[in-house]
Amino acid sequence: MEPWEDAWLNGGKMPPYGFPRELISAALDTADAWARDGRFRCVLEEWLPRPQAATNLVYLLYNGFRLRGQTVTRERPIPVLTRLLYTVPYPATVEELKARMRELFAVVVQEWCRQRDRFGDELEGSP
């Protein structure tokens, strides 16, 4: 496990990252657009009602998850934006950024499905 993964999962201080600052706004804009896009939400609607799916999509992109009652530790999946900051090599263009985010989203959704199967409603969004 990478040090940043350990820090994120255990509520520790995150190490510095080298992600290009000029692409951070584009990453946030992309995540915001995806959070409102039914094509991304529909995958989660296989598991949850639409309002819950929309909320869980935001957690997949930004916040992550924990088990109900846990205040410090988190569970996988690690959100797309967090993974993006630490996944090297870093994208150099907005097109590469969006492609990387799509790849990470696929990984995150697969992990979420496994965790949802394992923990059910005990898996909740992390503040």
N, C-alpha and C. Protein backbone atom coordinates (compact mmCIF):
# COMPACT_ATOMS: atom_id res chain seq x y z
N MET A 1 0.85 -1.17 0.00
CA MET A 1 0.00 0.00 0.00
C MET A 1 0.90 1.24 0.00
N GLU A 2 0.54 2.19 -0.81
CA GLU A 2 1.28 3.45 -0.90
C GLU A 2 1.07 4.27 0.39
N PRO A 3 2.04 5.08 0.78
CA PRO A 3 1.88 5.91 1.99
C PRO A 3 0.64 6.81 1.94
N TRP A 4 0.33 7.37 0.77
CA TRP A 4 -0.84 8.24 0.68
C TRP A 4 -2.13 7.45 0.90
N GLU A 5 -2.17 6.20 0.42
CA GLU A 5 -3.35 5.36 0.62
C GLU A 5 -3.55 5.07 2.11
N ASP A 6 -2.47 4.70 2.77
CA ASP A 6 -2.52 4.43 4.20
C ASP A 6 -2.99 5.65 4.96
N ALA A 7 -2.44 6.82 4.63
CA ALA A 7 -2.83 8.06 5.30
C ALA A 7 -4.32 8.34 5.07
N TRP A 8 -4.79 8.19 3.86
CA TRP A 8 -6.18 8.49 3.56
C TRP A 8 -7.12 7.52 4.29
N LEU A 9 -6.83 6.24 4.21
CA LEU A 9 -7.70 5.24 4.83
C LEU A 9 -7.74 5.35 6.35
N ASN A 10 -6.63 5.79 6.95
CA ASN A 10 -6.55 5.85 8.41
C ASN A 10 -6.69 7.26 8.97
N GLY A 11 -7.12 8.19 8.15
CA GLY A 11 -7.37 9.54 8.63
C GLY A 11 -6.10 10.30 9.00
N GLY A 12 -4.99 9.93 8.39
CA GLY A 12 -3.71 10.58 8.69
C GLY A 12 -3.49 11.79 7.81
N LYS A 13 -2.38 12.46 8.06
CA LYS A 13 -1.99 13.61 7.26
C LYS A 13 -1.54 13.13 5.89
N MET A 14 -2.11 13.71 4.87
CA MET A 14 -1.78 13.32 3.51
C MET A 14 -0.43 13.89 3.12
N PRO A 15 0.39 13.08 2.44
CA PRO A 15 1.69 13.58 1.99
C PRO A 15 1.52 14.56 0.83
N PRO A 16 2.55 15.33 0.54
CA PRO A 16 2.47 16.24 -0.61
C PRO A 16 2.34 15.45 -1.91
N TYR A 17 1.77 16.09 -2.91
CA TYR A 17 1.62 15.46 -4.22
C TYR A 17 2.22 16.39 -5.28
N GLY A 18 2.49 15.83 -6.43
CA GLY A 18 3.08 16.61 -7.52
C GLY A 18 2.13 16.88 -8.66
N PHE A 19 0.84 16.68 -8.43
CA PHE A 19 -0.15 16.89 -9.49
C PHE A 19 -0.05 18.32 -10.02
N PRO A 20 -0.12 18.50 -11.34
CA PRO A 20 0.00 19.86 -11.91
C PRO A 20 -1.12 20.79 -11.45
N ARG A 21 -0.74 21.86 -10.80
CA ARG A 21 -1.73 22.81 -10.26
C ARG A 21 -2.64 23.37 -11.35
N GLU A 22 -2.10 23.53 -12.55
CA GLU A 22 -2.90 24.12 -13.63
C GLU A 22 -4.04 23.20 -14.07
N LEU A 23 -4.02 21.92 -13.67
CA LEU A 23 -5.09 21.00 -14.05
C LEU A 23 -6.10 20.76 -12.93
N ILE A 24 -5.87 21.32 -11.77
CA ILE A 24 -6.79 21.09 -10.65
C ILE A 24 -8.17 21.65 -10.94
N SER A 25 -8.26 22.85 -11.48
CA SER A 25 -9.58 23.42 -11.81
C SER A 25 -10.32 22.56 -12.83
N ALA A 26 -9.60 22.08 -13.83
CA ALA A 26 -10.23 21.21 -14.84
C ALA A 26 -10.72 19.92 -14.21
N ALA A 27 -9.97 19.37 -13.26
CA ALA A 27 -10.39 18.14 -12.58
C ALA A 27 -11.66 18.39 -11.76
N LEU A 28 -11.70 19.50 -11.05
CA LEU A 28 -12.89 19.83 -10.26
C LEU A 28 -14.09 20.10 -11.15
N ASP A 29 -13.88 20.81 -12.24
CA ASP A 29 -14.98 21.07 -13.19
C ASP A 29 -15.51 19.77 -13.78
N THR A 30 -14.62 18.86 -14.11
CA THR A 30 -15.04 17.56 -14.66
C THR A 30 -15.83 16.78 -13.63
N ALA A 31 -15.34 16.73 -12.40
CA ALA A 31 -16.06 16.01 -11.34
C ALA A 31 -17.43 16.63 -11.10
N ASP A 32 -17.51 17.95 -11.11
CA ASP A 32 -18.81 18.63 -10.94
C ASP A 32 -19.78 18.25 -12.05
N ALA A 33 -19.30 18.22 -13.28
CA ALA A 33 -20.15 17.85 -14.42
C ALA A 33 -20.61 16.40 -14.29
N TRP A 34 -19.71 15.52 -13.91
CA TRP A 34 -20.07 14.11 -13.75
C TRP A 34 -21.08 13.90 -12.63
N ALA A 35 -20.98 14.68 -11.58
CA ALA A 35 -21.90 14.54 -10.45
C ALA A 35 -23.34 14.85 -10.86
N ARG A 36 -23.50 15.63 -11.92
CA ARG A 36 -24.84 15.98 -12.41
C ARG A 36 -25.26 15.14 -13.62
N ASP A 37 -24.38 14.29 -14.09
CA ASP A 37 -24.61 13.55 -15.33
C ASP A 37 -25.24 12.19 -15.04
N GLY A 38 -26.42 11.97 -15.59
CA GLY A 38 -27.13 10.71 -15.37
C GLY A 38 -26.40 9.49 -15.88
N ARG A 39 -25.50 9.65 -16.85
CA ARG A 39 -24.74 8.50 -17.37
C ARG A 39 -23.81 7.93 -16.31
N PHE A 40 -23.31 8.76 -15.43
CA PHE A 40 -22.44 8.28 -14.36
C PHE A 40 -23.27 7.73 -13.19
N ARG A 41 -24.38 8.40 -12.92
CA ARG A 41 -25.25 7.99 -11.82
C ARG A 41 -25.95 6.66 -12.10
N CYS A 42 -26.24 6.38 -13.36
CA CYS A 42 -27.05 5.19 -13.69
C CYS A 42 -26.38 3.89 -13.24
N VAL A 43 -25.06 3.86 -13.20
CA VAL A 43 -24.37 2.65 -12.73
C VAL A 43 -24.75 2.36 -11.29
N LEU A 44 -24.83 3.40 -10.49
CA LEU A 44 -25.17 3.24 -9.08
C LEU A 44 -26.66 2.97 -8.88
N GLU A 45 -27.47 3.38 -9.83
CA GLU A 45 -28.91 3.15 -9.74
C GLU A 45 -29.26 1.68 -9.88
N GLU A 46 -28.31 0.86 -10.30
CA GLU A 46 -28.51 -0.59 -10.29
C GLU A 46 -28.58 -1.09 -8.85
N TRP A 47 -28.00 -0.33 -7.93
CA TRP A 47 -27.89 -0.73 -6.54
C TRP A 47 -28.77 0.09 -5.60
N LEU A 48 -29.02 1.33 -5.97
CA LEU A 48 -29.67 2.28 -5.06
C LEU A 48 -30.74 3.09 -5.78
N PRO A 49 -31.72 3.61 -5.02
CA PRO A 49 -32.67 4.55 -5.63
C PRO A 49 -31.94 5.81 -6.11
N ARG A 50 -32.51 6.50 -7.07
CA ARG A 50 -31.88 7.65 -7.71
C ARG A 50 -31.32 8.68 -6.73
N PRO A 51 -32.08 9.15 -5.74
CA PRO A 51 -31.49 10.17 -4.84
C PRO A 51 -30.26 9.66 -4.10
N GLN A 52 -30.32 8.43 -3.64
CA GLN A 52 -29.17 7.83 -2.96
C GLN A 52 -28.01 7.63 -3.91
N ALA A 53 -28.30 7.24 -5.14
CA ALA A 53 -27.26 7.05 -6.14
C ALA A 53 -26.55 8.37 -6.42
N ALA A 54 -27.31 9.44 -6.51
CA ALA A 54 -26.71 10.76 -6.76
C ALA A 54 -25.77 11.16 -5.62
N THR A 55 -26.20 10.91 -4.40
CA THR A 55 -25.36 11.23 -3.24
C THR A 55 -24.11 10.36 -3.22
N ASN A 56 -24.26 9.08 -3.48
CA ASN A 56 -23.12 8.18 -3.48
C ASN A 56 -22.14 8.50 -4.61
N LEU A 57 -22.64 9.00 -5.71
CA LEU A 57 -21.76 9.42 -6.80
C LEU A 57 -20.83 10.54 -6.33
N VAL A 58 -21.37 11.48 -5.59
CA VAL A 58 -20.53 12.56 -5.04
C VAL A 58 -19.47 11.98 -4.12
N TYR A 59 -19.84 11.02 -3.29
CA TYR A 59 -18.85 10.38 -2.41
C TYR A 59 -17.77 9.65 -3.21
N LEU A 60 -18.15 9.02 -4.32
CA LEU A 60 -17.18 8.33 -5.16
C LEU A 60 -16.20 9.31 -5.80
N LEU A 61 -16.68 10.48 -6.12
CA LEU A 61 -15.83 11.48 -6.76
C LEU A 61 -14.99 12.27 -5.76
N TYR A 62 -15.57 12.65 -4.63
CA TYR A 62 -14.93 13.61 -3.73
C TYR A 62 -14.56 13.09 -2.34
N ASN A 63 -15.53 12.52 -1.63
CA ASN A 63 -15.39 12.31 -0.19
C ASN A 63 -14.90 10.94 0.24
N GLY A 64 -15.39 9.90 -0.40
CA GLY A 64 -15.09 8.56 0.05
C GLY A 64 -16.12 8.04 1.03
N PHE A 65 -15.82 6.89 1.63
CA PHE A 65 -16.77 6.19 2.47
C PHE A 65 -16.14 5.73 3.77
N ARG A 66 -17.00 5.46 4.70
CA ARG A 66 -16.60 4.86 5.98
C ARG A 66 -17.71 3.90 6.38
N LEU A 67 -17.44 3.11 7.41
CA LEU A 67 -18.49 2.27 7.96
C LEU A 67 -19.26 3.09 8.98
N ARG A 68 -20.54 2.86 9.04
CA ARG A 68 -21.40 3.59 9.97
C ARG A 68 -20.79 3.54 11.37
N GLY A 69 -20.68 4.69 12.00
CA GLY A 69 -20.15 4.78 13.36
C GLY A 69 -18.66 5.05 13.43
N GLN A 70 -17.94 4.87 12.34
CA GLN A 70 -16.51 5.15 12.32
C GLN A 70 -16.30 6.65 12.11
N THR A 71 -15.41 7.24 12.87
CA THR A 71 -15.18 8.67 12.70
C THR A 71 -13.83 9.00 12.08
N VAL A 72 -12.88 8.09 12.19
CA VAL A 72 -11.54 8.38 11.68
C VAL A 72 -11.20 7.55 10.46
N THR A 73 -11.37 6.25 10.54
CA THR A 73 -10.97 5.38 9.43
C THR A 73 -11.98 5.44 8.29
N ARG A 74 -11.48 5.22 7.10
CA ARG A 74 -12.31 5.18 5.91
C ARG A 74 -12.18 3.81 5.27
N GLU A 75 -13.07 3.53 4.36
CA GLU A 75 -13.05 2.29 3.59
C GLU A 75 -12.79 2.61 2.13
N ARG A 76 -12.31 1.62 1.41
CA ARG A 76 -12.25 1.77 -0.04
C ARG A 76 -13.67 1.83 -0.54
N PRO A 77 -13.90 2.47 -1.64
CA PRO A 77 -12.96 3.01 -2.59
C PRO A 77 -12.45 4.40 -2.19
N ILE A 78 -11.22 4.65 -2.53
CA ILE A 78 -10.66 5.99 -2.37
C ILE A 78 -11.21 6.82 -3.52
N PRO A 79 -11.73 8.02 -3.25
CA PRO A 79 -12.41 8.80 -4.30
C PRO A 79 -11.52 9.14 -5.51
N VAL A 80 -12.18 9.39 -6.61
CA VAL A 80 -11.50 9.68 -7.87
C VAL A 80 -10.52 10.84 -7.72
N LEU A 81 -10.96 11.95 -7.15
CA LEU A 81 -10.09 13.12 -7.08
C LEU A 81 -8.87 12.88 -6.19
N THR A 82 -9.02 12.14 -5.12
CA THR A 82 -7.88 11.82 -4.27
C THR A 82 -6.90 10.95 -5.02
N ARG A 83 -7.39 9.92 -5.67
CA ARG A 83 -6.51 9.04 -6.46
C ARG A 83 -5.80 9.82 -7.55
N LEU A 84 -6.52 10.74 -8.18
CA LEU A 84 -5.96 11.52 -9.27
C LEU A 84 -4.72 12.30 -8.81
N LEU A 85 -4.78 12.86 -7.62
CA LEU A 85 -3.66 13.66 -7.11
C LEU A 85 -2.38 12.85 -6.91
N TYR A 86 -2.53 11.54 -6.70
CA TYR A 86 -1.37 10.71 -6.36
C TYR A 86 -1.01 9.67 -7.42
N THR A 87 -1.76 9.56 -8.51
CA THR A 87 -1.49 8.57 -9.53
C THR A 87 -0.52 9.13 -10.56
N VAL A 88 0.65 8.51 -10.66
CA VAL A 88 1.66 8.96 -11.61
C VAL A 88 1.77 7.95 -12.74
N PRO A 89 2.14 8.35 -13.92
CA PRO A 89 2.52 9.71 -14.29
C PRO A 89 1.29 10.61 -14.34
N TYR A 90 1.52 11.87 -14.04
CA TYR A 90 0.42 12.84 -14.04
C TYR A 90 0.02 13.19 -15.47
N PRO A 91 -1.25 13.50 -15.67
CA PRO A 91 -1.67 13.93 -17.01
C PRO A 91 -1.03 15.27 -17.36
N ALA A 92 -0.81 15.50 -18.64
CA ALA A 92 -0.19 16.74 -19.09
C ALA A 92 -1.20 17.69 -19.74
N THR A 93 -2.33 17.14 -20.18
CA THR A 93 -3.33 17.96 -20.86
C THR A 93 -4.71 17.66 -20.26
N VAL A 94 -5.67 18.49 -20.60
CA VAL A 94 -7.04 18.28 -20.13
C VAL A 94 -7.60 16.98 -20.70
N GLU A 95 -7.25 16.65 -21.92
CA GLU A 95 -7.72 15.40 -22.53
C GLU A 95 -7.17 14.20 -21.76
N GLU A 96 -5.89 14.24 -21.43
CA GLU A 96 -5.29 13.17 -20.64
C GLU A 96 -5.92 13.11 -19.25
N LEU A 97 -6.20 14.27 -18.69
CA LEU A 97 -6.84 14.35 -17.37
C LEU A 97 -8.18 13.63 -17.39
N LYS A 98 -9.01 13.94 -18.36
CA LYS A 98 -10.34 13.33 -18.44
C LYS A 98 -10.24 11.82 -18.68
N ALA A 99 -9.29 11.40 -19.50
CA ALA A 99 -9.10 9.97 -19.72
C ALA A 99 -8.69 9.28 -18.43
N ARG A 100 -7.77 9.88 -17.70
CA ARG A 100 -7.32 9.30 -16.42
C ARG A 100 -8.49 9.25 -15.43
N MET A 101 -9.28 10.31 -15.38
CA MET A 101 -10.42 10.32 -14.46
C MET A 101 -11.41 9.23 -14.81
N ARG A 102 -11.64 8.97 -16.10
CA ARG A 102 -12.54 7.88 -16.50
C ARG A 102 -11.99 6.53 -16.05
N GLU A 103 -10.68 6.34 -16.21
CA GLU A 103 -10.05 5.09 -15.75
C GLU A 103 -10.22 4.93 -14.25
N LEU A 104 -9.95 5.99 -13.51
CA LEU A 104 -10.06 5.92 -12.05
C LEU A 104 -11.51 5.73 -11.62
N PHE A 105 -12.44 6.35 -12.32
CA PHE A 105 -13.86 6.17 -12.00
C PHE A 105 -14.25 4.70 -12.14
N ALA A 106 -13.79 4.05 -13.18
CA ALA A 106 -14.10 2.62 -13.37
C ALA A 106 -13.57 1.80 -12.20
N VAL A 107 -12.35 2.08 -11.76
CA VAL A 107 -11.76 1.36 -10.62
C VAL A 107 -12.58 1.61 -9.36
N VAL A 108 -12.92 2.86 -9.13
CA VAL A 108 -13.65 3.25 -7.92
C VAL A 108 -15.03 2.59 -7.89
N VAL A 109 -15.71 2.56 -9.01
CA VAL A 109 -17.04 1.94 -9.06
C VAL A 109 -16.94 0.44 -8.79
N GLN A 110 -15.94 -0.22 -9.35
CA GLN A 110 -15.76 -1.65 -9.08
C GLN A 110 -15.53 -1.90 -7.59
N GLU A 111 -14.68 -1.08 -6.98
CA GLU A 111 -14.43 -1.24 -5.55
C GLU A 111 -15.69 -0.95 -4.74
N TRP A 112 -16.45 0.07 -5.14
CA TRP A 112 -17.68 0.42 -4.43
C TRP A 112 -18.68 -0.75 -4.49
N CYS A 113 -18.79 -1.38 -5.66
CA CYS A 113 -19.71 -2.52 -5.79
C CYS A 113 -19.31 -3.65 -4.85
N ARG A 114 -18.01 -3.94 -4.78
CA ARG A 114 -17.54 -5.00 -3.87
C ARG A 114 -17.82 -4.61 -2.41
N GLN A 115 -17.56 -3.38 -2.06
CA GLN A 115 -17.78 -2.94 -0.68
C GLN A 115 -19.27 -2.90 -0.35
N ARG A 116 -20.06 -2.48 -1.30
CA ARG A 116 -21.52 -2.43 -1.10
C ARG A 116 -22.04 -3.85 -0.89
N ASP A 117 -21.52 -4.79 -1.65
CA ASP A 117 -21.89 -6.20 -1.48
C ASP A 117 -21.49 -6.68 -0.08
N ARG A 118 -20.33 -6.30 0.34
CA ARG A 118 -19.78 -6.75 1.63
C ARG A 118 -20.47 -6.10 2.83
N PHE A 119 -20.66 -4.77 2.78
CA PHE A 119 -21.13 -4.04 3.95
C PHE A 119 -22.57 -3.55 3.86
N GLY A 120 -23.16 -3.53 2.68
CA GLY A 120 -24.53 -3.06 2.52
C GLY A 120 -24.68 -1.63 3.00
N ASP A 121 -25.76 -1.37 3.74
CA ASP A 121 -26.06 -0.02 4.20
C ASP A 121 -25.12 0.48 5.30
N GLU A 122 -24.25 -0.39 5.78
CA GLU A 122 -23.26 0.06 6.77
C GLU A 122 -22.19 0.93 6.13
N LEU A 123 -22.05 0.85 4.81
CA LEU A 123 -21.12 1.70 4.08
C LEU A 123 -21.81 3.03 3.83
N GLU A 124 -21.27 4.09 4.40
CA GLU A 124 -21.88 5.41 4.24
C GLU A 124 -20.84 6.43 3.83
N GLY A 125 -21.32 7.55 3.29
CA GLY A 125 -20.41 8.59 2.86
C GLY A 125 -19.62 9.18 4.00
N SER A 126 -18.41 9.57 3.71
CA SER A 126 -17.53 10.18 4.69
C SER A 126 -17.63 11.69 4.57
N PRO A 127 -17.77 12.37 5.71
CA PRO A 127 -17.89 13.84 5.62
C PRO A 127 -16.59 14.50 5.17
